[in-house]
PDB file of N, CA and C in Angstrom:
ATOM      1  N   UNK A   1     107.662 -51.984-216.417  1.00  0.00           N
ATOM      2  CA  UNK A   1     107.104 -52.709-217.582  1.00  0.00           C
ATOM      3  C   UNK A   1     106.447 -54.005-217.096  1.00  0.00           C
ATOM      4  N   UNK A   2     107.088 -54.700-216.239  1.00  0.00           N
ATOM      5  CA  UNK A   2     106.638 -55.996-215.764  1.00  0.00           C
ATOM      6  C   UNK A   2     105.220 -55.784-215.027  1.00  0.00           C
ATOM      7  N   UNK A   3     105.163 -54.788-214.328  1.00  0.00           N
ATOM      8  CA  UNK A   3     103.836 -54.458-213.619  1.00  0.00           C
ATOM      9  C   UNK A   3     102.774 -54.180-214.582  1.00  0.00           C
ATOM     10  N   UNK A   4     103.014 -53.475-215.616  1.00  0.00           N
ATOM     11  CA  UNK A   4     102.081 -53.246-216.637  1.00  0.00           C
ATOM     12  C   UNK A   4     101.538 -54.500-217.291  1.00  0.00           C
ATOM     13  N   UNK A   5     102.505 -55.388-217.660  1.00  0.00           N
ATOM     14  CA  UNK A   5     102.148 -56.669-218.257  1.00  0.00           C
ATOM     15  C   UNK A   5     101.341 -57.458-217.260  1.00  0.00           C
ATOM     16  N   UNK A   6     101.613 -57.449-215.959  1.00  0.00           N
ATOM     17  CA  UNK A   6     100.833 -58.186-215.027  1.00  0.00           C
ATOM     18  C   UNK A   6      99.381 -57.712-215.035  1.00  0.00           C
ATOM     19  N   UNK A   7      99.161 -56.487-215.304  1.00  0.00           N
ATOM     20  CA  UNK A   7      97.860 -55.885-215.308  1.00  0.00           C
ATOM     21  C   UNK A   7      97.193 -56.003-216.642  1.00  0.00           C
ATOM     22  N   UNK A   8      97.922 -56.638-217.580  1.00  0.00           N
ATOM     23  CA  UNK A   8      97.360 -56.804-218.940  1.00  0.00           C
ATOM     24  C   UNK A   8      97.423 -55.595-219.818  1.00  0.00           C
ATOM     25  N   UNK A   9      98.258 -54.632-219.399  1.00  0.00           N
ATOM     26  CA  UNK A   9      98.474 -53.415-220.182  1.00  0.00           C
ATOM     27  C   UNK A   9      99.706 -53.591-221.113  1.00  0.00           C
ATOM     28  N   UNK A  10      99.733 -52.808-222.182  1.00  0.00           N
ATOM     29  CA  UNK A  10     100.897 -52.948-223.043  1.00  0.00           C
ATOM     30  C   UNK A  10     102.038 -52.001-222.544  1.00  0.00           C
ATOM     31  N   UNK A  11     103.255 -52.344-222.985  1.00  0.00           N
ATOM     32  CA  UNK A  11     104.386 -51.523-222.680  1.00  0.00           C
ATOM     33  C   UNK A  11     104.598 -50.419-223.664  1.00  0.00           C
ATOM     34  N   UNK A  12     105.148 -49.327-223.327  1.00  0.00           N
ATOM     35  CA  UNK A  12     105.446 -48.358-224.350  1.00  0.00           C
ATOM     36  C   UNK A  12     106.651 -48.775-225.145  1.00  0.00           C
ATOM     37  N   UNK A  13     106.811 -48.181-226.351  1.00  0.00           N
ATOM     38  CA  UNK A  13     107.969 -48.485-227.138  1.00  0.00           C
ATOM     39  C   UNK A  13     109.247 -48.062-226.451  1.00  0.00           C
ATOM     40  N   UNK A  14     109.185 -46.964-225.681  1.00  0.00           N
ATOM     41  CA  UNK A  14     110.382 -46.606-224.887  1.00  0.00           C
ATOM     42  C   UNK A  14     110.832 -47.600-223.851  1.00  0.00           C
ATOM     43  N   UNK A  15     109.794 -48.139-223.094  1.00  0.00           N
ATOM     44  CA  UNK A  15     110.004 -49.144-222.035  1.00  0.00           C
ATOM     45  C   UNK A  15     110.590 -50.393-222.776  1.00  0.00           C
ATOM     46  N   UNK A  16     110.044 -50.809-223.860  1.00  0.00           N
ATOM     47  CA  UNK A  16     110.440 -51.989-224.546  1.00  0.00           C
ATOM     48  C   UNK A  16     111.896 -51.849-225.019  1.00  0.00           C
ATOM     49  N   UNK A  17     112.248 -50.648-225.594  1.00  0.00           N
ATOM     50  CA  UNK A  17     113.559 -50.431-226.086  1.00  0.00           C
ATOM     51  C   UNK A  17     114.555 -50.526-224.917  1.00  0.00           C
ATOM     52  N   UNK A  18     114.202 -49.955-223.731  1.00  0.00           N
ATOM     53  CA  UNK A  18     115.124 -50.002-222.608  1.00  0.00           C
ATOM     54  C   UNK A  18     115.433 -51.391-222.181  1.00  0.00           C
ATOM     55  N   UNK A  19     114.389 -52.213-222.115  1.00  0.00           N
ATOM     56  CA  UNK A  19     114.574 -53.649-221.752  1.00  0.00           C
ATOM     57  C   UNK A  19     115.402 -54.348-222.814  1.00  0.00           C
ATOM     58  N   UNK A  20     115.177 -54.081-224.058  1.00  0.00           N
ATOM     59  CA  UNK A  20     115.970 -54.641-225.110  1.00  0.00           C
ATOM     60  C   UNK A  20     117.369 -54.344-224.966  1.00  0.00           C
ATOM     61  N   UNK A  21     117.633 -53.104-224.714  1.00  0.00           N
ATOM     62  CA  UNK A  21     119.091 -52.696-224.531  1.00  0.00           C
ATOM     63  C   UNK A  21     119.663 -53.408-223.282  1.00  0.00           C
ATOM     64  N   UNK A  22     118.974 -53.459-222.259  1.00  0.00           N
ATOM     65  CA  UNK A  22     119.376 -54.181-221.085  1.00  0.00           C
ATOM     66  C   UNK A  22     119.715 -55.638-221.349  1.00  0.00           C
ATOM     67  N   UNK A  23     118.779 -56.285-222.089  1.00  0.00           N
ATOM     68  CA  UNK A  23     119.017 -57.745-222.488  1.00  0.00           C
ATOM     69  C   UNK A  23     120.291 -57.848-223.302  1.00  0.00           C
ATOM     70  N   UNK A  24     120.520 -57.019-224.184  1.00  0.00           N
ATOM     71  CA  UNK A  24     121.714 -56.999-225.067  1.00  0.00           C
ATOM     72  C   UNK A  24     122.977 -56.822-224.176  1.00  0.00           C
ATOM     73  N   UNK A  25     122.891 -55.824-223.274  1.00  0.00           N
ATOM     74  CA  UNK A  25     124.089 -55.592-222.463  1.00  0.00           C
ATOM     75  C   UNK A  25     124.326 -56.722-221.465  1.00  0.00           C
ATOM     76  N   UNK A  26     123.325 -57.373-221.023  1.00  0.00           N
ATOM     77  CA  UNK A  26     123.559 -58.510-220.107  1.00  0.00           C
ATOM     78  C   UNK A  26     124.041 -59.710-220.898  1.00  0.00           C
ATOM     79  N   UNK A  27     123.571 -59.848-222.079  1.00  0.00           N
ATOM     80  CA  UNK A  27     124.084 -60.977-222.902  1.00  0.00           C
ATOM     81  C   UNK A  27     125.531 -60.740-223.285  1.00  0.00           C
ATOM     82  N   UNK A  28     125.903 -59.603-223.531  1.00  0.00           N
ATOM     83  CA  UNK A  28     127.402 -59.340-223.881  1.00  0.00           C
ATOM     84  C   UNK A  28     128.267 -59.456-222.564  1.00  0.00           C
ATOM     85  N   UNK A  29     127.688 -59.107-221.483  1.00  0.00           N
ATOM     86  CA  UNK A  29     128.392 -59.222-220.225  1.00  0.00           C
ATOM     87  C   UNK A  29     128.620 -60.698-219.917  1.00  0.00           C
ATOM     88  N   UNK A  30     127.486 -61.476-220.079  1.00  0.00           N
ATOM     89  CA  UNK A  30     127.546 -62.906-219.802  1.00  0.00           C
ATOM     90  C   UNK A  30     128.625 -63.526-220.650  1.00  0.00           C
ATOM     91  N   UNK A  31     128.711 -63.230-221.987  1.00  0.00           N
ATOM     92  CA  UNK A  31     129.564 -63.820-222.918  1.00  0.00           C
ATOM     93  C   UNK A  31     131.031 -63.517-222.501  1.00  0.00           C
ATOM     94  N   UNK A  32     131.196 -62.261-222.140  1.00  0.00           N
ATOM     95  CA  UNK A  32     132.532 -61.772-221.696  1.00  0.00           C
ATOM     96  C   UNK A  32     132.994 -62.547-220.461  1.00  0.00           C
ATOM     97  N   UNK A  33     132.175 -62.564-219.472  1.00  0.00           N
ATOM     98  CA  UNK A  33     132.496 -63.274-218.176  1.00  0.00           C
ATOM     99  C   UNK A  33     132.744 -64.766-218.447  1.00  0.00           C
ATOM    100  N   UNK A  34     131.977 -65.415-219.361  1.00  0.00           N
ATOM    101  CA  UNK A  34     132.139 -66.802-219.627  1.00  0.00           C
ATOM    102  C   UNK A  34     133.568 -66.954-220.284  1.00  0.00           C
ATOM    103  N   UNK A  35     133.813 -66.047-221.213  1.00  0.00           N
ATOM    104  CA  UNK A  35     135.195 -66.162-221.951  1.00  0.00           C
ATOM    105  C   UNK A  35     136.370 -66.033-220.999  1.00  0.00           C
ATOM    106  N   UNK A  36     136.231 -65.099-220.090  1.00  0.00           N
ATOM    107  CA  UNK A  36     137.327 -64.819-219.066  1.00  0.00           C
ATOM    108  C   UNK A  36     137.473 -66.101-218.188  1.00  0.00           C
ATOM    109  N   UNK A  37     136.298 -66.573-217.766  1.00  0.00           N
ATOM    110  CA  UNK A  37     136.329 -67.720-216.813  1.00  0.00           C
ATOM    111  C   UNK A  37     136.964 -68.960-217.540  1.00  0.00           C
ATOM    112  N   UNK A  38     136.700 -69.091-218.824  1.00  0.00           N
ATOM    113  CA  UNK A  38     137.219 -70.256-219.542  1.00  0.00           C
ATOM    114  C   UNK A  38     138.757 -70.095-219.829  1.00  0.00           C
ATOM    115  N   UNK A  39     139.159 -68.868-219.984  1.00  0.00           N
ATOM    116  CA  UNK A  39     140.614 -68.574-220.287  1.00  0.00           C
ATOM    117  C   UNK A  39     141.486 -68.481-219.029  1.00  0.00           C
ATOM    118  N   UNK A  40     140.872 -68.147-217.914  1.00  0.00           N
ATOM    119  CA  UNK A  40     141.617 -68.018-216.724  1.00  0.00           C
ATOM    120  C   UNK A  40     142.370 -66.772-216.673  1.00  0.00           C
ATOM    121  N   UNK A  41     142.941 -66.440-215.466  1.00  0.00           N
ATOM    122  CA  UNK A  41     143.732 -65.179-215.377  1.00  0.00           C
ATOM    123  C   UNK A  41     144.929 -65.055-216.194  1.00  0.00           C
ATOM    124  N   UNK A  42     145.553 -66.186-216.496  1.00  0.00           N
ATOM    125  CA  UNK A  42     146.846 -66.082-217.327  1.00  0.00           C
ATOM    126  C   UNK A  42     146.460 -66.230-218.855  1.00  0.00           C
ATOM    127  N   UNK A  43     145.223 -66.319-219.229  1.00  0.00           N
ATOM    128  CA  UNK A  43     144.871 -66.408-220.657  1.00  0.00           C
ATOM    129  C   UNK A  43     144.945 -67.808-221.221  1.00  0.00           C
ATOM    130  N   UNK A  44     145.135 -68.810-220.400  1.00  0.00           N
ATOM    131  CA  UNK A  44     145.199 -70.223-220.860  1.00  0.00           C
ATOM    132  C   UNK A  44     143.829 -70.919-220.733  1.00  0.00           C
ATOM    133  N   UNK A  45     143.524 -71.815-221.605  1.00  0.00           N
ATOM    134  CA  UNK A  45     142.324 -72.625-221.559  1.00  0.00           C
ATOM    135  C   UNK A  45     142.323 -73.354-220.296  1.00  0.00           C
ATOM    136  N   UNK A  46     141.256 -73.261-219.534  1.00  0.00           N
ATOM    137  CA  UNK A  46     141.155 -74.107-218.271  1.00  0.00           C
ATOM    138  C   UNK A  46     139.740 -74.152-217.846  1.00  0.00           C
ATOM    139  N   UNK A  47     139.421 -75.193-217.081  1.00  0.00           N
ATOM    140  CA  UNK A  47     137.994 -75.334-216.601  1.00  0.00           C
ATOM    141  C   UNK A  47     137.696 -74.116-215.676  1.00  0.00           C
ATOM    142  N   UNK A  48     136.574 -73.487-215.918  1.00  0.00           N
ATOM    143  CA  UNK A  48     136.117 -72.391-215.027  1.00  0.00           C
ATOM    144  C   UNK A  48     135.892 -72.872-213.541  1.00  0.00           C
ATOM    145  N   UNK A  49     136.093 -72.000-212.624  1.00  0.00           N
ATOM    146  CA  UNK A  49     135.799 -72.297-211.263  1.00  0.00           C
ATOM    147  C   UNK A  49     134.299 -72.317-211.036  1.00  0.00           C
ATOM    148  N   UNK A  50     133.819 -72.921-210.006  1.00  0.00           N
ATOM    149  CA  UNK A  50     132.350 -72.967-209.738  1.00  0.00           C
ATOM    150  C   UNK A  50     131.883 -71.532-209.404  1.00  0.00           C
ATOM    151  N   UNK A  51     132.709 -70.689-208.792  1.00  0.00           N
ATOM    152  CA  UNK A  51     132.267 -69.331-208.522  1.00  0.00           C
ATOM    153  C   UNK A  51     132.116 -68.535-209.779  1.00  0.00           C
ATOM    154  N   UNK A  52     133.118 -68.661-210.717  1.00  0.00           N
ATOM    155  CA  UNK A  52     132.942 -67.944-211.970  1.00  0.00           C
ATOM    156  C   UNK A  52     131.766 -68.444-212.801  1.00  0.00           C
ATOM    157  N   UNK A  53     131.458 -69.733-212.759  1.00  0.00           N
ATOM    158  CA  UNK A  53     130.326 -70.272-213.351  1.00  0.00           C
ATOM    159  C   UNK A  53     129.037 -69.718-212.872  1.00  0.00           C
ATOM    160  N   UNK A  54     128.953 -69.652-211.549  1.00  0.00           N
ATOM    161  CA  UNK A  54     127.738 -69.080-210.859  1.00  0.00           C
ATOM    162  C   UNK A  54     127.639 -67.613-211.355  1.00  0.00           C
ATOM    163  N   UNK A  55     128.716 -66.872-211.352  1.00  0.00           N
ATOM    164  CA  UNK A  55     128.695 -65.462-211.721  1.00  0.00           C
ATOM    165  C   UNK A  55     128.094 -65.279-213.175  1.00  0.00           C
ATOM    166  N   UNK A  56     128.676 -66.016-214.062  1.00  0.00           N
ATOM    167  CA  UNK A  56     128.226 -65.694-215.418  1.00  0.00           C
ATOM    168  C   UNK A  56     126.891 -66.394-215.690  1.00  0.00           C
ATOM    169  N   UNK A  57     126.564 -67.409-215.016  1.00  0.00           N
ATOM    170  CA  UNK A  57     125.155 -68.010-215.190  1.00  0.00           C
ATOM    171  C   UNK A  57     124.099 -67.057-214.641  1.00  0.00           C
ATOM    172  N   UNK A  58     124.402 -66.353-213.544  1.00  0.00           N
ATOM    173  CA  UNK A  58     123.349 -65.405-212.999  1.00  0.00           C
ATOM    174  C   UNK A  58     123.221 -64.384-214.021  1.00  0.00           C
ATOM    175  N   UNK A  59     124.286 -63.788-214.693  1.00  0.00           N
ATOM    176  CA  UNK A  59     124.091 -62.774-215.632  1.00  0.00           C
ATOM    177  C   UNK A  59     123.300 -63.279-216.890  1.00  0.00           C
ATOM    178  N   UNK A  60     123.652 -64.600-217.283  1.00  0.00           N
ATOM    179  CA  UNK A  60     122.857 -65.197-218.349  1.00  0.00           C
ATOM    180  C   UNK A  60     121.365 -65.299-217.996  1.00  0.00           C
ATOM    181  N   UNK A  61     121.090 -65.766-216.777  1.00  0.00           N
ATOM    182  CA  UNK A  61     119.677 -65.884-216.423  1.00  0.00           C
ATOM    183  C   UNK A  61     118.945 -64.512-216.519  1.00  0.00           C
ATOM    184  N   UNK A  62     119.669 -63.429-216.066  1.00  0.00           N
ATOM    185  CA  UNK A  62     119.056 -62.113-216.110  1.00  0.00           C
ATOM    186  C   UNK A  62     118.826 -61.702-217.565  1.00  0.00           C
ATOM    187  N   UNK A  63     119.767 -61.994-218.482  1.00  0.00           N
ATOM    188  CA  UNK A  63     119.647 -61.682-219.886  1.00  0.00           C
ATOM    189  C   UNK A  63     118.461 -62.416-220.466  1.00  0.00           C
ATOM    190  N   UNK A  64     118.301 -63.716-220.168  1.00  0.00           N
ATOM    191  CA  UNK A  64     117.199 -64.470-220.707  1.00  0.00           C
ATOM    192  C   UNK A  64     115.929 -63.928-220.210  1.00  0.00           C
ATOM    193  N   UNK A  65     115.876 -63.602-218.817  1.00  0.00           N
ATOM    194  CA  UNK A  65     114.711 -63.042-218.237  1.00  0.00           C
ATOM    195  C   UNK A  65     114.213 -61.621-218.939  1.00  0.00           C
ATOM    196  N   UNK A  66     115.226 -60.806-219.178  1.00  0.00           N
ATOM    197  CA  UNK A  66     114.959 -59.605-219.926  1.00  0.00           C
ATOM    198  C   UNK A  66     114.451 -59.802-221.313  1.00  0.00           C
ATOM    199  N   UNK A  67     115.015 -60.863-221.992  1.00  0.00           N
ATOM    200  CA  UNK A  67     114.601 -61.198-223.266  1.00  0.00           C
ATOM    201  C   UNK A  67     113.099 -61.729-223.202  1.00  0.00           C
ATOM    202  N   UNK A  68     112.803 -62.546-222.206  1.00  0.00           N
ATOM    203  CA  UNK A  68     111.415 -63.047-222.133  1.00  0.00           C
ATOM    204  C   UNK A  68     110.431 -61.893-221.855  1.00  0.00           C
ATOM    205  N   UNK A  69     110.869 -60.901-221.128  1.00  0.00           N
ATOM    206  CA  UNK A  69     110.030 -59.751-220.855  1.00  0.00           C
ATOM    207  C   UNK A  69     109.747 -59.028-222.199  1.00  0.00           C
ATOM    208  N   UNK A  70     110.792 -58.913-223.023  1.00  0.00           N
ATOM    209  CA  UNK A  70     110.535 -58.261-224.281  1.00  0.00           C
ATOM    210  C   UNK A  70     109.590 -59.029-225.153  1.00  0.00           C
ATOM    211  N   UNK A  71     109.723 -60.335-225.132  1.00  0.00           N
ATOM    212  CA  UNK A  71     108.875 -61.187-225.987  1.00  0.00           C
ATOM    213  C   UNK A  71     107.344 -61.015-225.407  1.00  0.00           C
ATOM    214  N   UNK A  72     107.301 -61.054-224.088  1.00  0.00           N
ATOM    215  CA  UNK A  72     105.931 -60.984-223.443  1.00  0.00           C
ATOM    216  C   UNK A  72     105.251 -59.719-223.851  1.00  0.00           C
ATOM    217  N   UNK A  73     106.018 -58.665-224.135  1.00  0.00           N
ATOM    218  CA  UNK A  73     105.445 -57.329-224.505  1.00  0.00           C
ATOM    219  C   UNK A  73     105.188 -57.138-226.009  1.00  0.00           C
ATOM    220  N   UNK A  74     105.526 -58.249-226.708  1.00  0.00           N
ATOM    221  CA  UNK A  74     105.417 -58.105-228.211  1.00  0.00           C
ATOM    222  C   UNK A  74     104.038 -58.041-228.615  1.00  0.00           C
ATOM    223  N   UNK A  75     103.829 -57.624-229.931  1.00  0.00           N
ATOM    224  CA  UNK A  75     102.526 -57.428-230.490  1.00  0.00           C
ATOM    225  C   UNK A  75     101.913 -58.706-231.068  1.00  0.00           C
ATOM    226  N   UNK A  76     102.744 -59.745-231.330  1.00  0.00           N
ATOM    227  CA  UNK A  76     102.263 -61.012-231.826  1.00  0.00           C
ATOM    228  C   UNK A  76     102.084 -61.970-230.630  1.00  0.00           C
ATOM    229  N   UNK A  77     100.852 -62.181-230.204  1.00  0.00           N
ATOM    230  CA  UNK A  77     100.568 -62.878-228.986  1.00  0.00           C
ATOM    231  C   UNK A  77     101.049 -64.365-229.029  1.00  0.00           C
ATOM    232  N   UNK A  78     100.918 -65.063-230.202  1.00  0.00           N
ATOM    233  CA  UNK A  78     101.437 -66.374-230.290  1.00  0.00           C
ATOM    234  C   UNK A  78     102.889 -66.463-230.153  1.00  0.00           C
ATOM    235  N   UNK A  79     103.686 -65.627-230.879  1.00  0.00           N
ATOM    236  CA  UNK A  79     105.120 -65.574-230.752  1.00  0.00           C
ATOM    237  C   UNK A  79     105.542 -65.197-229.338  1.00  0.00           C
ATOM    238  N   UNK A  80     104.854 -64.228-228.780  1.00  0.00           N
ATOM    239  CA  UNK A  80     105.182 -63.757-227.406  1.00  0.00           C
ATOM    240  C   UNK A  80     105.029 -64.953-226.445  1.00  0.00           C
ATOM    241  N   UNK A  81     103.918 -65.674-226.575  1.00  0.00           N
ATOM    242  CA  UNK A  81     103.666 -66.834-225.584  1.00  0.00           C
ATOM    243  C   UNK A  81     104.817 -67.894-225.811  1.00  0.00           C
ATOM    244  N   UNK A  82     105.031 -68.206-227.052  1.00  0.00           N
ATOM    245  CA  UNK A  82     106.009 -69.309-227.252  1.00  0.00           C
ATOM    246  C   UNK A  82     107.420 -68.911-226.780  1.00  0.00           C
ATOM    247  N   UNK A  83     107.881 -67.684-227.202  1.00  0.00           N
ATOM    248  CA  UNK A  83     109.257 -67.295-226.801  1.00  0.00           C
ATOM    249  C   UNK A  83     109.423 -66.980-225.303  1.00  0.00           C
ATOM    250  N   UNK A  84     108.395 -66.435-224.694  1.00  0.00           N
ATOM    251  CA  UNK A  84     108.584 -66.068-223.239  1.00  0.00           C
ATOM    252  C   UNK A  84     108.483 -67.432-222.441  1.00  0.00           C
ATOM    253  N   UNK A  85     107.665 -68.319-222.841  1.00  0.00           N
ATOM    254  CA  UNK A  85     107.571 -69.615-222.169  1.00  0.00           C
ATOM    255  C   UNK A  85     108.919 -70.355-222.260  1.00  0.00           C
ATOM    256  N   UNK A  86     109.401 -70.399-223.415  1.00  0.00           N
ATOM    257  CA  UNK A  86     110.697 -71.094-223.665  1.00  0.00           C
ATOM    258  C   UNK A  86     111.810 -70.449-222.828  1.00  0.00           C
ATOM    259  N   UNK A  87     111.837 -69.107-222.797  1.00  0.00           N
ATOM    260  CA  UNK A  87     112.890 -68.380-222.058  1.00  0.00           C
ATOM    261  C   UNK A  87     112.700 -68.708-220.468  1.00  0.00           C
ATOM    262  N   UNK A  88     111.448 -68.764-220.086  1.00  0.00           N
ATOM    263  CA  UNK A  88     111.134 -69.037-218.620  1.00  0.00           C
ATOM    264  C   UNK A  88     111.597 -70.491-218.294  1.00  0.00           C
ATOM    265  N   UNK A  89     111.293 -71.385-219.199  1.00  0.00           N
ATOM    266  CA  UNK A  89     111.712 -72.719-218.952  1.00  0.00           C
ATOM    267  C   UNK A  89     113.178 -72.962-218.884  1.00  0.00           C
ATOM    268  N   UNK A  90     113.890 -72.166-219.732  1.00  0.00           N
ATOM    269  CA  UNK A  90     115.398 -72.299-219.908  1.00  0.00           C
ATOM    270  C   UNK A  90     116.116 -71.899-218.522  1.00  0.00           C
ATOM    271  N   UNK A  91     115.646 -70.791-217.921  1.00  0.00           N
ATOM    272  CA  UNK A  91     116.304 -70.257-216.781  1.00  0.00           C
ATOM    273  C   UNK A  91     115.884 -70.877-215.492  1.00  0.00           C
ATOM    274  N   UNK A  92     114.798 -71.754-215.494  1.00  0.00           N
ATOM    275  CA  UNK A  92     114.336 -72.438-214.305  1.00  0.00           C
ATOM    276  C   UNK A  92     115.345 -73.520-213.954  1.00  0.00           C
ATOM    277  N   UNK A  93     115.498 -73.767-212.669  1.00  0.00           N
ATOM    278  CA  UNK A  93     116.388 -74.826-212.223  1.00  0.00           C
ATOM    279  C   UNK A  93     115.713 -76.139-212.565  1.00  0.00           C
ATOM    280  N   UNK A  94     116.466 -77.209-212.670  1.00  0.00           N
ATOM    281  CA  UNK A  94     116.009 -78.552-213.149  1.00  0.00           C
ATOM    282  C   UNK A  94     114.667 -78.978-212.648  1.00  0.00           C
ATOM    283  N   UNK A  95     114.433 -78.935-211.211  1.00  0.00           N
ATOM    284  CA  UNK A  95     113.227 -79.429-210.651  1.00  0.00           C
ATOM    285  C   UNK A  95     112.133 -78.440-210.941  1.00  0.00           C
ATOM    286  N   UNK A  96     112.405 -77.161-210.866  1.00  0.00           N
ATOM    287  CA  UNK A  96     111.435 -76.163-211.198  1.00  0.00           C
ATOM    288  C   UNK A  96     111.032 -76.213-212.697  1.00  0.00           C
ATOM    289  N   UNK A  97     111.975 -76.490-213.575  1.00  0.00           N
ATOM    290  CA  UNK A  97     111.700 -76.580-214.972  1.00  0.00           C
ATOM    291  C   UNK A  97     110.720 -77.741-215.272  1.00  0.00           C
ATOM    292  N   UNK A  98     110.959 -78.833-214.642  1.00  0.00           N
ATOM    293  CA  UNK A  98     110.067 -79.996-214.871  1.00  0.00           C
ATOM    294  C   UNK A  98     108.696 -79.698-214.361  1.00  0.00           C
ATOM    295  N   UNK A  99     108.568 -79.092-213.166  1.00  0.00           N
ATOM    296  CA  UNK A  99     107.230 -78.694-212.640  1.00  0.00           C
ATOM    297  C   UNK A  99     106.585 -77.619-213.615  1.00  0.00           C
ATOM    298  N   UNK A 100     107.381 -76.709-214.083  1.00  0.00           N
ATOM    299  CA  UNK A 100     106.905 -75.668-215.036  1.00  0.00           C
ATOM    300  C   UNK A 100     106.349 -76.315-216.203  1.00  0.00           C
ATOM    301  N   UNK A 101     107.123 -77.213-216.865  1.00  0.00           N
ATOM    302  CA  UNK A 101     106.728 -77.842-218.100  1.00  0.00           C
ATOM    303  C   UNK A 101     105.542 -78.768-217.940  1.00  0.00           C
ATOM    304  N   UNK A 102     105.484 -79.462-216.782  1.00  0.00           N
ATOM    305  CA  UNK A 102     104.423 -80.295-216.441  1.00  0.00           C
ATOM    306  C   UNK A 102     103.159 -79.474-216.285  1.00  0.00           C
ATOM    307  N   UNK A 103     103.233 -78.353-215.666  1.00  0.00           N
ATOM    308  CA  UNK A 103     101.956 -77.502-215.562  1.00  0.00           C
ATOM    309  C   UNK A 103     101.532 -76.993-216.895  1.00  0.00           C
ATOM    310  N   UNK A 104     102.438 -76.603-217.759  1.00  0.00           N
ATOM    311  CA  UNK A 104     102.070 -76.153-219.136  1.00  0.00           C
ATOM    312  C   UNK A 104     101.401 -77.301-219.926  1.00  0.00           C
ATOM    313  N   UNK A 105     102.015 -78.457-219.817  1.00  0.00           N
ATOM    314  CA  UNK A 105     101.423 -79.664-220.527  1.00  0.00           C
ATOM    315  C   UNK A 105      99.986 -79.937-219.956  1.00  0.00           C
ATOM    316  N   UNK A 106      99.822 -79.803-218.636  1.00  0.00           N
ATOM    317  CA  UNK A 106      98.492 -80.029-218.056  1.00  0.00           C
ATOM    318  C   UNK A 106      97.477 -79.025-218.587  1.00  0.00           C
ATOM    319  N   UNK A 107      97.845 -77.746-218.595  1.00  0.00           N
ATOM    320  CA  UNK A 107      96.955 -76.713-219.130  1.00  0.00           C
ATOM    321  C   UNK A 107      96.686 -77.016-220.600  1.00  0.00           C
ATOM    322  N   UNK A 108      97.626 -77.345-221.394  1.00  0.00           N
ATOM    323  CA  UNK A 108      97.377 -77.608-222.754  1.00  0.00           C
ATOM    324  C   UNK A 108      96.457 -78.813-222.925  1.00  0.00           C
ATOM    325  N   UNK A 109      96.690 -79.829-222.218  1.00  0.00           N
ATOM    326  CA  UNK A 109      95.817 -81.105-222.302  1.00  0.00           C
ATOM    327  C   UNK A 109      94.446 -80.802-221.865  1.00  0.00           C
ATOM    328  N   UNK A 110      94.303 -79.940-220.909  1.00  0.00           N
ATOM    329  CA  UNK A 110      92.999 -79.643-220.370  1.00  0.00           C
ATOM    330  C   UNK A 110      92.181 -78.806-221.434  1.00  0.00           C
ATOM    331  N   UNK A 111      92.852 -78.013-222.161  1.00  0.00           N
ATOM    332  CA  UNK A 111      92.177 -77.128-223.188  1.00  0.00           C
ATOM    333  C   UNK A 111      91.814 -77.940-224.458  1.00  0.00           C
ATOM    334  N   UNK A 112      92.547 -79.020-224.646  1.00  0.00           N
ATOM    335  CA  UNK A 112      92.301 -79.830-225.857  1.00  0.00           C
ATOM    336  C   UNK A 112      91.112 -80.733-225.702  1.00  0.00           C
ATOM    337  N   UNK A 113      90.627 -80.941-224.519  1.00  0.00           N
ATOM    338  CA  UNK A 113      89.467 -81.870-224.224  1.00  0.00           C
ATOM    339  C   UNK A 113      88.188 -81.214-224.551  1.00  0.00           C
TER     340      UNK A 113
END
């Protein structure tokens, strides 16, 4: 599906549904891993370990990326652009996010002139 979007082609409904299912599954997995990490092995509230945070954050990033892909394949171009840009900015690391947003602002400023 991503390759089709790169070429400017639309995704089939079947492809879109598969990615939507994947996004939902990843989101549920992320929430479950986060809950387990915050409860700890004995079921008590505790700060999650850095390894468990990395694990569930990676799943969360994948869920957001799949969601962004679904938005990018949407039929409403404006909504697709807004939502997929928002999702991309959210999963970018801090320095990359700032550069990403700076680039978008520069593009928008250039178009307004």
